[in-house]
């Protein structure tokens, strides 16, 4: 996706004891800025991220909050 900004924060500490945390899946907050999001809906942007992560979304990642923007939308 050639991001100009890519920030990933582990939010797992806030979910200790949660079923997803117990099974090893992490909780993350992702901020990603890419020109490739231009003209795409919020849902389409999220699908692009999910597709890029592939199997990680089914194994290593239990929950992912996504903030996907274009460079002109990013503060």
C-alpha atoms as a PDB file:
ATOM      1  CA  UNK A   1       0.000   0.000   0.000  1.00  0.00           C
ATOM      2  CA  UNK A   2       3.065   2.253   0.078  1.00  0.00           C
ATOM      3  CA  UNK A   3       2.029   4.036   3.297  1.00  0.00           C
ATOM      4  CA  UNK A   4       3.457   7.412   4.198  1.00  0.00           C
ATOM      5  CA  UNK A   5       2.451   6.839   7.818  1.00  0.00           C
ATOM      6  CA  UNK A   6       2.226   3.455   9.515  1.00  0.00           C
ATOM      7  CA  UNK A   7       1.724   3.322  13.278  1.00  0.00           C
ATOM      8  CA  UNK A   8       0.828   0.119  15.102  1.00  0.00           C
ATOM      9  CA  UNK A   9       0.077   0.120  18.812  1.00  0.00           C
ATOM     10  CA  UNK A  10      -0.342  -3.003  20.895  1.00  0.00           C
ATOM     11  CA  UNK A  11      -3.549  -2.560  22.871  1.00  0.00           C
ATOM     12  CA  UNK A  12      -3.370  -6.014  24.444  1.00  0.00           C
ATOM     13  CA  UNK A  13      -2.807  -4.807  28.010  1.00  0.00           C
ATOM     14  CA  UNK A  14      -6.326  -3.378  28.024  1.00  0.00           C
ATOM     15  CA  UNK A  15      -7.750  -6.789  27.109  1.00  0.00           C
ATOM     16  CA  UNK A  16      -6.051  -9.127  29.593  1.00  0.00           C
ATOM     17  CA  UNK A  17      -8.438 -11.951  30.424  1.00  0.00           C
ATOM     18  CA  UNK A  18     -10.410 -11.469  27.212  1.00  0.00           C
ATOM     19  CA  UNK A  19     -11.006 -14.695  25.236  1.00  0.00           C
ATOM     20  CA  UNK A  20      -8.966 -13.441  22.267  1.00  0.00           C
ATOM     21  CA  UNK A  21      -6.040 -12.569  24.498  1.00  0.00           C
ATOM     22  CA  UNK A  22      -6.194 -15.984  26.164  1.00  0.00           C
ATOM     23  CA  UNK A  23      -5.940 -17.741  22.793  1.00  0.00           C
ATOM     24  CA  UNK A  24      -2.886 -15.693  21.843  1.00  0.00           C
ATOM     25  CA  UNK A  25      -4.525 -13.272  19.419  1.00  0.00           C
ATOM     26  CA  UNK A  26      -3.467  -9.679  19.955  1.00  0.00           C
ATOM     27  CA  UNK A  27      -5.443  -6.445  20.063  1.00  0.00           C
ATOM     28  CA  UNK A  28      -3.987  -3.605  17.997  1.00  0.00           C
ATOM     29  CA  UNK A  29      -4.634  -0.033  16.896  1.00  0.00           C
ATOM     30  CA  UNK A  30      -3.433   0.751  13.356  1.00  0.00           C
ATOM     31  CA  UNK A  31      -3.045   4.150  11.735  1.00  0.00           C
ATOM     32  CA  UNK A  32      -2.180   3.928   8.061  1.00  0.00           C
ATOM     33  CA  UNK A  33      -1.975   6.738   5.516  1.00  0.00           C
ATOM     34  CA  UNK A  34      -1.746   5.892   1.831  1.00  0.00           C
ATOM     35  CA  UNK A  35      -2.584   7.529  -1.465  1.00  0.00           C
ATOM     36  CA  UNK A  36      -4.104   4.194  -2.499  1.00  0.00           C
ATOM     37  CA  UNK A  37      -7.083   4.890  -0.232  1.00  0.00           C
ATOM     38  CA  UNK A  38      -8.145   7.816  -2.437  1.00  0.00           C
ATOM     39  CA  UNK A  39     -11.663   7.330  -3.763  1.00  0.00           C
ATOM     40  CA  UNK A  40     -12.245   4.291  -1.537  1.00  0.00           C
ATOM     41  CA  UNK A  41     -14.976   4.013   1.084  1.00  0.00           C
ATOM     42  CA  UNK A  42     -14.108   3.319   4.703  1.00  0.00           C
ATOM     43  CA  UNK A  43     -15.201  -0.308   4.257  1.00  0.00           C
ATOM     44  CA  UNK A  44     -13.079  -0.719   1.115  1.00  0.00           C
ATOM     45  CA  UNK A  45     -10.051   0.727   2.920  1.00  0.00           C
ATOM     46  CA  UNK A  46     -10.483  -1.724   5.787  1.00  0.00           C
ATOM     47  CA  UNK A  47     -10.807  -4.611   3.319  1.00  0.00           C
ATOM     48  CA  UNK A  48      -7.540  -3.544   1.702  1.00  0.00           C
ATOM     49  CA  UNK A  49      -5.815  -3.720   5.094  1.00  0.00           C
ATOM     50  CA  UNK A  50      -7.411  -7.085   5.945  1.00  0.00           C
ATOM     51  CA  UNK A  51      -6.347  -8.480   2.563  1.00  0.00           C
ATOM     52  CA  UNK A  52      -2.778  -7.277   3.103  1.00  0.00           C
ATOM     53  CA  UNK A  53      -2.648  -8.960   6.521  1.00  0.00           C
ATOM     54  CA  UNK A  54      -4.069 -12.236   5.200  1.00  0.00           C
ATOM     55  CA  UNK A  55      -3.659 -15.152   7.615  1.00  0.00           C
ATOM     56  CA  UNK A  56      -2.451 -12.862  10.409  1.00  0.00           C
ATOM     57  CA  UNK A  57      -6.079 -11.715  10.801  1.00  0.00           C
ATOM     58  CA  UNK A  58      -7.057 -15.307  11.583  1.00  0.00           C
ATOM     59  CA  UNK A  59      -4.173 -16.207  13.873  1.00  0.00           C
ATOM     60  CA  UNK A  60      -1.979 -13.505  15.400  1.00  0.00           C
ATOM     61  CA  UNK A  61      -4.558 -10.714  15.424  1.00  0.00           C
ATOM     62  CA  UNK A  62      -7.773 -11.036  17.406  1.00  0.00           C
ATOM     63  CA  UNK A  63      -8.905  -7.425  17.106  1.00  0.00           C
ATOM     64  CA  UNK A  64      -7.710  -4.544  14.939  1.00  0.00           C
ATOM     65  CA  UNK A  65      -8.929  -0.947  15.103  1.00  0.00           C
ATOM     66  CA  UNK A  66      -8.071   0.748  11.799  1.00  0.00           C
ATOM     67  CA  UNK A  67      -7.691   4.444  11.001  1.00  0.00           C
ATOM     68  CA  UNK A  68      -7.061   4.431   7.227  1.00  0.00           C
ATOM     69  CA  UNK A  69      -6.698   7.825   5.512  1.00  0.00           C
ATOM     70  CA  UNK A  70      -5.245   9.487   2.471  1.00  0.00           C
ATOM     71  CA  UNK A  71      -2.405  11.992   2.936  1.00  0.00           C
ATOM     72  CA  UNK A  72      -4.810  14.915   2.481  1.00  0.00           C
ATOM     73  CA  UNK A  73      -7.128  13.517   5.181  1.00  0.00           C
ATOM     74  CA  UNK A  74      -4.342  12.988   7.693  1.00  0.00           C
ATOM     75  CA  UNK A  75      -3.709  15.829  10.132  1.00  0.00           C
END
